[in-house]
């Protein structure tokens, strides 16, 4: 569920930034009130993109906390399996490092 939300927010943010870039490009070719209007609209879009970026950050932190809690629960429920998995991963990493 969180990954879908992250992807949606990330896509929204990319779209907002693209729109702001297009507006700023257009604003460079016009002058006067129209340029001011386009720049203001572009700044609003960039503000919205910053807001979306903050949402992505918050969602990523929430997802990270959920993963950490799940791992913590697993280790508490299966301490010896966790030790075995950690030892196996350590052994594989050691073998890979020794091969180089």
Protein backbone atom coordinates (compact mmCIF):
# COMPACT_ATOMS: atom_id res chain seq x y z
CA UNK A 1 0.00 0.00 0.00
CA UNK A 2 2.79 2.44 0.93
CA UNK A 3 4.79 1.73 -2.23
CA UNK A 4 1.79 2.59 -4.39
CA UNK A 5 1.36 5.84 -2.49
CA UNK A 6 5.08 6.60 -2.87
CA UNK A 7 4.94 5.99 -6.62
CA UNK A 8 1.85 8.16 -7.01
CA UNK A 9 3.33 11.04 -5.03
CA UNK A 10 6.66 10.72 -6.88
CA UNK A 11 4.90 10.82 -10.25
CA UNK A 12 2.82 13.81 -9.16
CA UNK A 13 5.98 15.59 -8.06
CA UNK A 14 7.76 14.90 -11.36
CA UNK A 15 4.75 16.17 -13.26
CA UNK A 16 4.60 19.37 -11.20
CA UNK A 17 8.30 20.06 -11.75
CA UNK A 18 7.97 19.45 -15.50
CA UNK A 19 5.02 21.83 -15.70
CA UNK A 20 6.94 24.49 -13.75
CA UNK A 21 9.95 24.10 -16.06
CA UNK A 22 7.71 24.53 -19.11
CA UNK A 23 6.12 27.64 -17.61
CA UNK A 24 9.51 29.17 -16.83
CA UNK A 25 10.70 28.46 -20.38
CA UNK A 26 7.58 30.12 -21.75
CA UNK A 27 8.00 33.05 -19.34
CA UNK A 28 11.46 33.77 -20.74
CA UNK A 29 9.97 34.40 -24.18
CA UNK A 30 7.27 36.85 -23.07
CA UNK A 31 7.37 40.11 -21.15
CA UNK A 32 5.16 42.21 -18.94
CA UNK A 33 2.14 40.98 -17.06
CA UNK A 34 2.03 37.66 -18.91
CA UNK A 35 5.61 36.86 -17.84
CA UNK A 36 4.82 37.82 -14.24
CA UNK A 37 1.74 35.61 -14.32
CA UNK A 38 3.69 32.65 -15.73
CA UNK A 39 6.48 33.07 -13.17
CA UNK A 40 3.96 33.21 -10.31
CA UNK A 41 2.23 30.09 -11.61
CA UNK A 42 5.61 28.36 -11.96
CA UNK A 43 6.53 29.27 -8.38
CA UNK A 44 3.21 27.86 -7.18
CA UNK A 45 3.90 24.62 -9.02
CA UNK A 46 7.37 24.41 -7.48
CA UNK A 47 5.87 24.98 -4.03
CA UNK A 48 3.47 22.11 -4.70
CA UNK A 49 6.40 19.94 -5.81
CA UNK A 50 8.24 20.69 -2.56
CA UNK A 51 5.11 19.72 -0.65
CA UNK A 52 4.92 16.44 -2.59
CA UNK A 53 8.60 15.80 -1.88
CA UNK A 54 7.90 16.20 1.81
CA UNK A 55 5.04 13.69 1.48
CA UNK A 56 7.42 11.23 -0.21
CA UNK A 57 9.92 11.69 2.59
CA UNK A 58 7.26 11.15 5.26
CA UNK A 59 5.91 8.06 3.51
CA UNK A 60 9.42 6.64 3.10
CA UNK A 61 10.14 7.17 6.79
CA UNK A 62 6.85 5.50 7.71
CA UNK A 63 7.62 2.54 5.45
CA UNK A 64 11.12 2.26 6.92
CA UNK A 65 9.70 2.22 10.44
CA UNK A 66 7.21 -0.49 9.47
CA UNK A 67 9.99 -2.62 7.97
CA UNK A 68 12.14 -2.13 11.07
CA UNK A 69 9.25 -3.10 13.35
CA UNK A 70 8.55 -6.21 11.28
CA UNK A 71 12.21 -7.23 11.39
CA UNK A 72 12.31 -6.56 15.13
CA UNK A 73 9.24 -8.72 15.72
CA UNK A 74 10.71 -11.53 13.60
CA UNK A 75 13.98 -11.48 15.53
CA UNK A 76 12.13 -11.51 18.86
CA UNK A 77 9.96 -14.43 17.77
CA UNK A 78 12.78 -16.38 16.06
CA UNK A 79 16.09 -15.43 17.72
CA UNK A 80 18.04 -18.51 16.65
CA UNK A 81 16.83 -18.33 13.07
CA UNK A 82 17.88 -14.67 13.01
CA UNK A 83 21.34 -15.60 14.32
CA UNK A 84 21.60 -18.33 11.68
CA UNK A 85 20.55 -15.99 8.88
CA UNK A 86 23.01 -13.32 10.04
CA UNK A 87 25.81 -15.91 10.23
CA UNK A 88 24.98 -17.20 6.74
CA UNK A 89 24.93 -13.70 5.26
CA UNK A 90 28.21 -12.92 7.03
CA UNK A 91 29.77 -16.10 5.65
CA UNK A 92 28.63 -15.27 2.10
CA UNK A 93 29.96 -11.72 2.35
CA UNK A 94 33.26 -13.05 3.71
CA UNK A 95 33.57 -15.51 0.83
CA UNK A 96 32.79 -12.80 -1.73
CA UNK A 97 35.34 -10.44 -0.21
CA UNK A 98 38.00 -13.16 -0.06
CA UNK A 99 37.51 -14.00 -3.77
CA UNK A 100 38.47 -10.49 -4.88
